[in-house]
Amino acid sequence: MKIRSITYFCNPKYPLNESILQEAGTFLSEAKSAYQASGYEVQTTRLATIPFPRLLGEKRIDDLPKLTEKLEEAIQQVEIAYASLGPAVPNNGRSYEVIPGAIAASQNIFFGGVIAEKKMWISLQAVKACAKIIQEISHLSSDGFANLRFAALANVSAGSPFFPAAYHDGDIPAFAIATESADLAVRSFIDEQTAMIKNMKTEDKAWETLDDGRRVLIASMEKHAYRLGATASQLALKYKVRFGGIDFSLAPFPIESSSLGTAIENLGIPKVGLHGSLAAAAIIAETIDRAKLPRTGFSGLMLPVLEDEILAKRAEDGSLTIKDLLLYSAVCGTGLDTVPLPGNASAEQIAPVLLDLAALAMRLDKPLTARLMPIPGKNAGDSTGFDFGFFKNSRVMALDSMPLGSPLNSDKAFTLYPRHSFELRSKG
């Protein structure tokens, strides 16, 4: 297991307050050293701010590209790898329009766009705006890579350390940990014979029944959570910074031994995408829920297609579709992540996918995001062709979508309450 990121949350003010950013850099530097001394590889340190519309204010919203450039320069000076300026918000329509220019002006700054909130409404105007952003920024480079730095957010609260969903909700600094820990699930749900064939280490006891595998995964997560939390408590006390928790979403790395696709198939699924996959995903997600740990963010089962070797293979051979990924989001997960789309996918075709995701998030009362990646010049079935160490190349996935008609093709917002809210009302 590795630490994907240590994320520091703050309000850096505007114009940027150098002392606040310096404090962030100092904290993250010591936090990284402390966790490395505890035996963990720390891949990145990151900064997340309050949502940029609040940071800038309505009258200065067009300053976003300038703010982005200055923040990128500032984090480089204090040796922070990446920053998130948070999401555009529906009560400021212009905030969506300025994101493409800001992404074009930077390399290491991330953004989001809210399409649905906990007030239980979905903004169709915001859905359209995010679809337009996804389509527009796909053309900033020949490989569509800029969409790695943007996601549509549905029902996502502040405090998640995973980008692009990360944002802060106040003035008091905080920090949180994101893990890269799919290998824990792979080793927990693997029998001893298979482990020997694949030259992989099992945990304290090879599993014989489903409950054995669950027990091993829970014990592994809780062991690491205890170690991570102990160091976090020391850091929080020394720097008077609130510890927000751990997002233990079992994030993968694009090798088979750190693949959630591998973990799902270890449960007896011939290929992720075939029937039975939803049950396997639900079992792993529910096992994560059983673990006792200080939670933040998604803390679920993350299925990013291009960041997972087996998921990328199943998308390549056609076993795994976008509809499958949406289906699995109903029982686990963070939504649709690093999904390669045809380059000619229009904003009008992307919007229904975002709407489906928002409906799942609202009806199930869970956080979901969509990080979709149209690749210019590529059609469904073409090789993705990325040159990025955190990606496993696959094939462009088919997008079974057409533009929406009335009444969903409007700029209105509508409410969509969780099912349990009506049950509670009827009992009351």
Protein backbone atom coordinates (compact mmCIF):
# COMPACT_ATOMS: atom_id res chain seq x y z
CA MET A 1 0.00 0.00 0.00
CA LYS A 2 1.11 3.54 -0.77
CA ILE A 3 -0.12 7.02 0.03
CA ARG A 4 -1.50 8.50 -3.18
CA SER A 5 -1.61 11.99 -1.72
CA ILE A 6 -1.43 14.11 1.40
CA THR A 7 -3.80 16.99 0.70
CA TYR A 8 -3.75 20.28 2.64
CA PHE A 9 -7.00 22.24 2.67
CA CYS A 10 -6.99 26.02 3.17
CA ASN A 11 -8.30 29.40 2.09
CA PRO A 12 -5.29 31.10 0.45
CA LYS A 13 -7.21 34.38 -0.02
CA TYR A 14 -7.14 36.54 -3.13
CA PRO A 15 -4.72 38.05 -3.95
CA LEU A 16 -2.81 34.97 -2.77
CA ASN A 17 -1.46 35.15 0.76
CA GLU A 18 2.13 33.94 0.53
CA SER A 19 2.40 33.12 4.24
CA ILE A 20 -0.60 30.77 4.06
CA LEU A 21 0.93 28.94 1.10
CA GLN A 22 4.30 28.80 2.83
CA GLU A 23 2.64 27.22 5.87
CA ALA A 24 1.02 24.68 3.57
CA GLY A 25 4.35 23.84 1.96
CA THR A 26 6.11 23.50 5.32
CA PHE A 27 3.38 21.25 6.70
CA LEU A 28 3.27 19.00 3.62
CA SER A 29 7.04 18.66 3.54
CA GLU A 30 7.15 17.48 7.15
CA ALA A 31 4.07 15.28 6.70
CA LYS A 32 5.67 13.57 3.71
CA SER A 33 8.88 12.97 5.67
CA ALA A 34 6.94 11.65 8.67
CA TYR A 35 5.01 9.12 6.60
CA GLN A 36 8.10 8.05 4.71
CA ALA A 37 9.81 7.46 8.06
CA SER A 38 6.83 5.24 8.93
CA GLY A 39 7.52 3.12 5.89
CA TYR A 40 5.04 4.57 3.37
CA GLU A 41 5.82 5.80 -0.11
CA VAL A 42 4.16 9.20 -0.59
CA GLN A 43 3.47 9.82 -4.26
CA THR A 44 2.27 13.44 -4.15
CA THR A 45 1.55 16.38 -1.87
CA ARG A 46 -1.40 18.56 -2.83
CA LEU A 47 -3.28 21.74 -1.95
CA ALA A 48 -7.05 22.24 -2.13
CA THR A 49 -8.70 25.63 -1.72
CA ILE A 50 -12.21 26.86 -1.15
CA PRO A 51 -14.24 26.89 -4.41
CA PHE A 52 -12.79 29.51 -6.71
CA PRO A 53 -16.11 31.39 -7.19
CA ARG A 54 -16.06 32.09 -3.46
CA LEU A 55 -12.34 32.84 -3.48
CA LEU A 56 -12.63 35.37 -6.30
CA GLY A 57 -16.14 36.70 -5.79
CA GLU A 58 -18.62 37.27 -8.58
CA LYS A 59 -17.08 40.53 -9.78
CA ARG A 60 -13.61 39.02 -10.24
CA ILE A 61 -14.58 35.64 -11.65
CA ASP A 62 -12.87 36.44 -14.97
CA ASP A 63 -9.57 36.63 -13.06
CA LEU A 64 -9.53 32.82 -12.83
CA PRO A 65 -6.83 32.23 -15.50
CA LYS A 66 -4.62 34.83 -13.81
CA LEU A 67 -5.23 33.27 -10.38
CA THR A 68 -4.45 29.83 -11.81
CA GLU A 69 -1.11 30.98 -13.21
CA LYS A 70 -0.14 32.63 -9.92
CA LEU A 71 -1.17 29.62 -7.84
CA GLU A 72 0.78 27.24 -10.06
CA GLU A 73 3.87 29.38 -9.67
CA ALA A 74 3.33 29.65 -5.91
CA ILE A 75 2.97 25.91 -5.27
CA GLN A 76 6.09 25.19 -7.29
CA GLN A 77 8.02 27.54 -5.00
CA VAL A 78 6.87 25.65 -1.89
CA GLU A 79 7.29 22.23 -3.55
CA ILE A 80 3.64 21.20 -3.69
CA ALA A 81 2.93 19.04 -6.73
CA TYR A 82 -0.71 19.86 -7.51
CA ALA A 83 -3.52 22.18 -6.45
CA SER A 84 -7.28 22.15 -6.82
CA LEU A 85 -9.22 25.40 -7.02
CA GLY A 86 -12.46 23.55 -6.41
CA PRO A 87 -15.68 23.50 -8.39
CA ALA A 88 -17.75 25.95 -10.38
CA VAL A 89 -21.16 26.35 -8.74
CA PRO A 90 -24.67 26.63 -10.23
CA ASN A 91 -25.47 29.99 -8.65
CA ASN A 92 -22.61 31.47 -10.68
CA GLY A 93 -23.06 30.39 -14.29
CA ARG A 94 -20.02 32.32 -15.43
CA SER A 95 -17.82 30.17 -13.17
CA TYR A 96 -18.21 27.23 -15.60
CA GLU A 97 -17.36 29.35 -18.62
CA VAL A 98 -13.97 30.48 -17.30
CA ILE A 99 -12.63 27.00 -16.51
CA PRO A 100 -11.34 26.08 -20.01
CA GLY A 101 -9.17 29.19 -20.12
CA ALA A 102 -7.79 28.44 -16.67
CA ILE A 103 -6.95 24.85 -17.55
CA ALA A 104 -5.23 26.06 -20.72
CA ALA A 105 -3.16 28.46 -18.61
CA SER A 106 -1.78 25.76 -16.31
CA GLN A 107 -0.42 22.24 -16.07
CA ASN A 108 -0.93 21.25 -12.43
CA ILE A 109 -4.17 22.97 -11.34
CA PHE A 110 -7.41 20.97 -11.12
CA PHE A 111 -11.08 22.00 -11.23
CA GLY A 112 -14.55 20.61 -10.81
CA GLY A 113 -18.07 21.61 -11.73
CA VAL A 114 -21.07 20.97 -9.47
CA ILE A 115 -24.02 19.36 -11.26
CA ALA A 116 -26.00 18.24 -8.19
CA GLU A 117 -25.91 19.11 -4.50
CA LYS A 118 -27.07 17.75 -1.17
CA LYS A 119 -30.07 20.06 -1.30
CA MET A 120 -31.37 17.25 -3.51
CA TRP A 121 -31.59 19.12 -6.77
CA ILE A 122 -29.95 18.58 -10.14
CA SER A 123 -29.07 21.58 -12.29
CA LEU A 124 -29.65 20.81 -15.96
CA GLN A 125 -27.88 24.04 -16.86
CA ALA A 126 -24.81 22.90 -14.89
CA VAL A 127 -24.97 19.47 -16.55
CA LYS A 128 -24.84 21.16 -19.94
CA ALA A 129 -22.06 23.50 -18.82
CA CYS A 130 -19.87 20.63 -17.59
CA ALA A 131 -20.46 18.65 -20.77
CA LYS A 132 -19.36 21.70 -22.76
CA ILE A 133 -16.20 22.05 -20.64
CA ILE A 134 -15.32 18.37 -21.18
CA GLN A 135 -15.75 18.69 -24.93
CA GLU A 136 -13.91 22.01 -25.17
CA ILE A 137 -10.83 21.17 -23.11
CA SER A 138 -10.38 17.84 -24.89
CA HIS A 139 -8.95 19.88 -27.77
CA LEU A 140 -6.26 21.61 -25.69
CA SER A 141 -3.88 18.79 -26.64
CA SER A 142 -3.83 16.08 -29.29
CA ASP A 143 -4.45 13.33 -26.72
CA GLY A 144 -7.29 14.97 -24.77
CA PHE A 145 -5.20 14.79 -21.61
CA ALA A 146 -6.49 18.07 -20.14
CA ASN A 147 -9.65 16.32 -18.99
CA LEU A 148 -7.56 14.56 -16.36
CA ARG A 149 -7.84 17.88 -14.49
CA PHE A 150 -11.61 18.31 -14.57
CA ALA A 151 -14.56 16.39 -13.16
CA ALA A 152 -18.30 16.92 -12.84
CA LEU A 153 -19.32 16.61 -9.17
CA ALA A 154 -22.62 15.23 -7.89
CA ASN A 155 -23.38 15.27 -4.16
CA VAL A 156 -19.68 15.65 -3.28
CA SER A 157 -18.88 17.26 0.06
CA ALA A 158 -15.72 19.18 0.92
CA GLY A 159 -12.72 17.34 2.32
CA SER A 160 -12.00 14.59 -0.21
CA PRO A 161 -8.23 14.31 -0.82
CA PHE A 162 -8.75 12.79 -4.28
CA PHE A 163 -8.49 15.18 -7.22
CA PRO A 164 -10.33 16.70 -9.06
CA ALA A 165 -13.05 16.39 -6.37
CA ALA A 166 -11.03 18.11 -3.64
CA TYR A 167 -12.12 21.44 -2.16
CA HIS A 168 -12.22 23.15 1.24
CA ASP A 169 -15.23 24.56 3.05
CA GLY A 170 -13.82 27.10 5.51
CA ASP A 171 -10.90 29.19 6.72
CA ILE A 172 -9.41 26.73 9.25
CA PRO A 173 -6.72 24.55 7.61
CA ALA A 174 -7.11 20.78 7.48
CA PHE A 175 -5.42 17.80 5.85
CA ALA A 176 -6.45 14.34 4.66
CA ILE A 177 -4.87 11.19 3.26
CA ALA A 178 -5.72 9.38 0.02
CA THR A 179 -4.45 5.82 -0.28
CA GLU A 180 -3.34 3.75 -3.25
CA SER A 181 -4.36 0.43 -1.80
CA ALA A 182 -6.00 -1.82 -4.37
CA ASP A 183 -3.22 -4.31 -3.66
CA LEU A 184 -4.78 -4.95 -0.24
CA ALA A 185 -7.96 -6.20 -1.90
CA VAL A 186 -6.02 -8.24 -4.45
CA ARG A 187 -4.07 -10.04 -1.72
CA SER A 188 -7.09 -10.47 0.53
CA PHE A 189 -9.20 -12.20 -2.11
CA ILE A 190 -6.63 -14.60 -3.53
CA ASP A 191 -6.05 -18.24 -2.68
CA GLU A 192 -2.61 -19.52 -1.78
CA GLN A 193 -2.12 -21.54 -4.97
CA THR A 194 -2.90 -18.60 -7.22
CA ALA A 195 -0.63 -16.39 -5.16
CA MET A 196 2.26 -18.80 -5.68
CA ILE A 197 1.66 -18.95 -9.45
CA LYS A 198 1.61 -15.13 -9.67
CA ASN A 199 4.52 -14.77 -7.23
CA MET A 200 2.40 -12.62 -4.95
CA LYS A 201 2.37 -12.43 -1.18
CA THR A 202 -0.86 -13.17 0.65
CA GLU A 203 -1.83 -11.54 3.92
CA ASP A 204 -1.73 -13.33 7.28
CA LYS A 205 -3.90 -16.21 6.04
CA ALA A 206 -4.96 -17.23 2.55
CA TRP A 207 -8.72 -17.05 2.27
CA GLU A 208 -10.88 -20.12 2.04
CA THR A 209 -14.34 -18.58 2.28
CA LEU A 210 -15.74 -15.20 1.32
CA ASP A 211 -15.83 -14.18 4.97
CA ASP A 212 -12.14 -15.06 5.31
CA GLY A 213 -11.28 -12.67 2.50
CA ARG A 214 -13.39 -9.94 4.03
CA ARG A 215 -11.79 -10.44 7.40
CA VAL A 216 -8.31 -10.19 5.92
CA LEU A 217 -9.13 -7.00 3.99
CA ILE A 218 -10.73 -5.34 7.01
CA ALA A 219 -7.76 -6.24 9.20
CA SER A 220 -5.32 -4.87 6.60
CA MET A 221 -7.21 -1.60 6.23
CA GLU A 222 -7.56 -1.11 9.97
CA LYS A 223 -3.87 -1.85 10.55
CA HIS A 224 -2.81 0.80 8.05
CA ALA A 225 -5.48 3.24 9.23
CA TYR A 226 -4.13 2.99 12.77
CA ARG A 227 -0.58 3.74 11.61
CA LEU A 228 -1.67 6.55 9.32
CA GLY A 229 -3.88 8.04 12.01
CA ALA A 230 -1.19 7.95 14.69
CA THR A 231 1.16 10.00 12.53
CA ALA A 232 -1.70 12.32 11.56
CA SER A 233 -2.50 13.00 15.22
CA GLN A 234 1.09 14.03 15.88
CA LEU A 235 1.11 16.33 12.86
CA ALA A 236 -2.24 17.86 13.77
CA LEU A 237 -1.09 18.59 17.31
CA LYS A 238 2.22 20.11 16.25
CA TYR A 239 0.81 22.33 13.50
CA LYS A 240 -2.68 22.92 14.95
CA VAL A 241 -4.19 21.65 11.71
CA ARG A 242 -7.35 19.54 11.74
CA PHE A 243 -7.02 15.96 10.48
CA GLY A 244 -9.96 15.35 8.16
CA GLY A 245 -9.49 11.60 7.81
CA ILE A 246 -8.50 8.93 5.28
CA ASP A 247 -10.13 8.27 1.92
CA PHE A 248 -9.55 4.52 1.76
CA SER A 249 -11.03 4.07 -1.71
CA LEU A 250 -8.56 1.29 -2.64
CA ALA A 251 -7.25 3.35 -5.56
CA PRO A 252 -5.39 1.19 -8.12
CA PHE A 253 -2.11 1.49 -10.00
CA PRO A 254 -1.89 0.19 -13.60
CA ILE A 255 -0.28 -3.15 -12.80
CA GLU A 256 -2.16 -6.42 -12.24
CA SER A 257 -1.14 -6.78 -8.58
CA SER A 258 -2.62 -3.35 -7.76
CA SER A 259 -5.79 -3.64 -9.84
CA LEU A 260 -9.33 -3.58 -8.51
CA GLY A 261 -10.26 -5.46 -11.66
CA THR A 262 -7.95 -8.21 -10.42
CA ALA A 263 -9.62 -8.14 -7.00
CA ILE A 264 -13.07 -8.47 -8.57
CA GLU A 265 -11.97 -11.35 -10.77
CA ASN A 266 -10.32 -13.05 -7.78
CA LEU A 267 -13.84 -13.45 -6.39
CA GLY A 268 -14.65 -15.81 -9.27
CA ILE A 269 -15.68 -13.42 -12.06
CA PRO A 270 -14.18 -14.60 -15.39
CA LYS A 271 -14.04 -11.02 -16.71
CA VAL A 272 -15.08 -7.71 -15.18
CA GLY A 273 -18.17 -6.65 -17.09
CA LEU A 274 -19.79 -10.08 -17.18
CA HIS A 275 -22.75 -10.84 -14.94
CA GLY A 276 -21.66 -11.32 -11.36
CA SER A 277 -19.35 -8.31 -11.51
CA LEU A 278 -21.85 -6.09 -9.75
CA ALA A 279 -22.15 -8.54 -6.87
CA ALA A 280 -18.36 -8.78 -6.56
CA ALA A 281 -18.01 -5.00 -6.60
CA ALA A 282 -20.74 -4.68 -3.97
CA ILE A 283 -19.01 -7.23 -1.73
CA ILE A 284 -15.69 -5.37 -1.82
CA ALA A 285 -17.39 -1.99 -1.31
CA GLU A 286 -19.39 -3.30 1.64
CA THR A 287 -16.22 -4.75 3.14
CA ILE A 288 -14.65 -1.30 2.99
CA ASP A 289 -17.70 0.02 4.86
CA ARG A 290 -17.13 -2.51 7.66
CA ALA A 291 -13.61 -1.31 8.41
CA LYS A 292 -13.24 1.02 11.40
CA LEU A 293 -11.22 4.04 10.36
CA PRO A 294 -11.40 7.87 10.29
CA ARG A 295 -13.19 8.40 6.99
CA THR A 296 -13.41 11.25 4.56
CA GLY A 297 -14.24 11.65 0.89
CA PHE A 298 -15.57 8.65 -1.04
CA SER A 299 -14.07 5.75 0.94
CA GLY A 300 -15.56 3.35 -1.57
CA LEU A 301 -14.56 1.17 -4.50
CA MET A 302 -12.79 3.23 -7.18
CA LEU A 303 -12.96 1.94 -10.78
CA PRO A 304 -10.86 4.28 -12.97
CA VAL A 305 -10.59 2.59 -16.37
CA LEU A 306 -7.23 3.95 -17.50
CA GLU A 307 -5.58 3.74 -14.07
CA ASP A 308 -6.28 0.01 -13.67
CA GLU A 309 -4.62 -2.66 -15.82
CA ILE A 310 -7.46 -5.19 -15.74
CA LEU A 311 -10.23 -2.61 -16.20
CA ALA A 312 -8.30 -1.21 -19.17
CA LYS A 313 -8.01 -4.73 -20.63
CA ARG A 314 -11.71 -5.42 -20.17
CA ALA A 315 -12.63 -2.11 -21.80
CA GLU A 316 -10.23 -3.03 -24.61
CA ASP A 317 -11.82 -6.44 -25.26
CA GLY A 318 -15.34 -5.03 -24.99
CA SER A 319 -16.35 -6.84 -21.79
CA LEU A 320 -16.66 -3.60 -19.81
CA THR A 321 -18.88 -0.74 -21.00
CA ILE A 322 -19.78 2.71 -19.74
CA LYS A 323 -23.22 1.41 -18.82
CA ASP A 324 -21.56 -1.28 -16.71
CA LEU A 325 -19.53 1.33 -14.86
CA LEU A 326 -22.65 3.37 -14.17
CA LEU A 327 -24.37 0.25 -12.90
CA TYR A 328 -21.51 -0.54 -10.52
CA SER A 329 -21.63 3.05 -9.24
CA ALA A 330 -25.01 2.16 -7.75
CA VAL A 331 -23.38 -0.24 -5.28
CA CYS A 332 -19.90 1.21 -4.88
CA GLY A 333 -17.41 3.58 -6.31
CA THR A 334 -16.71 7.18 -7.12
CA GLY A 335 -18.53 7.25 -10.44
CA LEU A 336 -17.01 7.37 -13.92
CA ASP A 337 -13.28 7.98 -13.84
CA THR A 338 -10.70 8.27 -16.64
CA VAL A 339 -13.16 6.93 -19.20
CA PRO A 340 -11.83 7.28 -22.80
CA LEU A 341 -14.51 8.57 -25.20
CA PRO A 342 -14.59 9.16 -28.97
CA GLY A 343 -13.11 12.51 -29.91
CA ASN A 344 -16.22 13.50 -31.86
CA ALA A 345 -18.50 13.06 -28.83
CA SER A 346 -20.51 16.27 -28.63
CA ALA A 347 -21.44 18.15 -25.48
CA GLU A 348 -25.04 17.18 -26.25
CA GLN A 349 -24.06 13.48 -26.16
CA ILE A 350 -21.96 13.83 -23.01
CA ALA A 351 -24.68 15.63 -21.04
CA PRO A 352 -27.00 12.57 -20.70
CA VAL A 353 -24.14 10.57 -19.16
CA LEU A 354 -23.62 13.29 -16.58
CA LEU A 355 -27.34 13.41 -15.93
CA ASP A 356 -27.45 9.66 -15.28
CA LEU A 357 -24.57 10.01 -12.84
CA ALA A 358 -26.26 12.90 -11.04
CA ALA A 359 -29.48 10.91 -10.74
CA LEU A 360 -27.62 8.00 -9.14
CA ALA A 361 -25.88 10.32 -6.70
CA MET A 362 -29.11 11.99 -5.64
CA ARG A 363 -31.35 8.94 -5.49
CA LEU A 364 -28.76 6.90 -3.57
CA ASP A 365 -27.48 9.88 -1.54
CA LYS A 366 -23.83 9.21 -2.32
CA PRO A 367 -20.97 11.22 -3.83
CA LEU A 368 -20.16 10.51 -7.48
CA THR A 369 -17.98 12.21 -10.06
CA ALA A 370 -17.43 11.98 -13.80
CA ARG A 371 -13.98 12.42 -15.32
CA LEU A 372 -14.55 11.73 -19.00
CA MET A 373 -11.80 11.91 -21.62
CA PRO A 374 -12.79 12.43 -25.26
CA ILE A 375 -9.67 11.84 -27.37
CA PRO A 376 -9.41 13.99 -30.53
CA GLY A 377 -9.30 12.03 -33.76
CA LYS A 378 -10.13 8.73 -32.06
CA ASN A 379 -13.21 6.60 -32.63
CA ALA A 380 -14.72 3.83 -30.52
CA GLY A 381 -12.36 0.85 -30.64
CA ASP A 382 -9.23 2.87 -31.39
CA SER A 383 -6.19 2.58 -29.12
CA THR A 384 -5.98 5.41 -26.59
CA GLY A 385 -2.25 6.04 -27.10
CA PHE A 386 -1.43 7.88 -23.85
CA ASP A 387 2.16 8.28 -22.67
CA PHE A 388 1.63 8.62 -18.91
CA GLY A 389 3.05 6.45 -16.15
CA PHE A 390 -0.22 6.34 -14.19
CA PHE A 391 -2.26 5.16 -17.22
CA LYS A 392 -2.67 1.78 -18.86
CA ASN A 393 -3.63 2.18 -22.49
CA SER A 394 -6.92 0.71 -23.61
CA ARG A 395 -9.40 1.32 -26.40
CA VAL A 396 -11.83 4.20 -26.76
CA MET A 397 -15.17 3.14 -25.28
CA ALA A 398 -18.42 3.41 -27.22
CA LEU A 399 -20.77 6.18 -26.12
CA ASP A 400 -24.39 5.05 -26.57
CA SER A 401 -25.90 8.49 -26.26
CA MET A 402 -28.01 10.98 -28.19
CA PRO A 403 -28.95 14.58 -27.37
CA LEU A 404 -31.73 14.96 -24.84
CA GLY A 405 -35.17 16.20 -25.78
CA SER A 406 -37.72 18.19 -23.81
CA PRO A 407 -38.25 18.51 -20.86
CA LEU A 408 -34.76 17.32 -19.82
CA ASN A 409 -33.14 19.49 -22.46
CA SER A 410 -33.69 22.70 -20.49
CA ASP A 411 -31.79 25.00 -18.17
CA LYS A 412 -33.97 24.28 -15.17
CA ALA A 413 -33.14 22.54 -11.92
CA PHE A 414 -35.24 19.78 -10.43
CA THR A 415 -35.34 17.94 -7.12
CA LEU A 416 -34.63 14.25 -6.79
CA TYR A 417 -34.84 12.95 -3.24
CA PRO A 418 -33.30 9.74 -1.92
CA ARG A 419 -35.67 6.83 -1.60
CA HIS A 420 -35.09 6.53 2.14
CA SER A 421 -36.24 10.12 2.73
CA PHE A 422 -39.80 9.16 1.80
CA GLU A 423 -39.61 6.04 3.96
CA LEU A 424 -38.59 8.14 6.93
CA ARG A 425 -41.39 10.62 6.30
CA SER A 426 -44.02 7.89 6.07
CA LYS A 427 -42.82 6.37 9.34
CA GLY A 428 -42.85 9.75 11.04
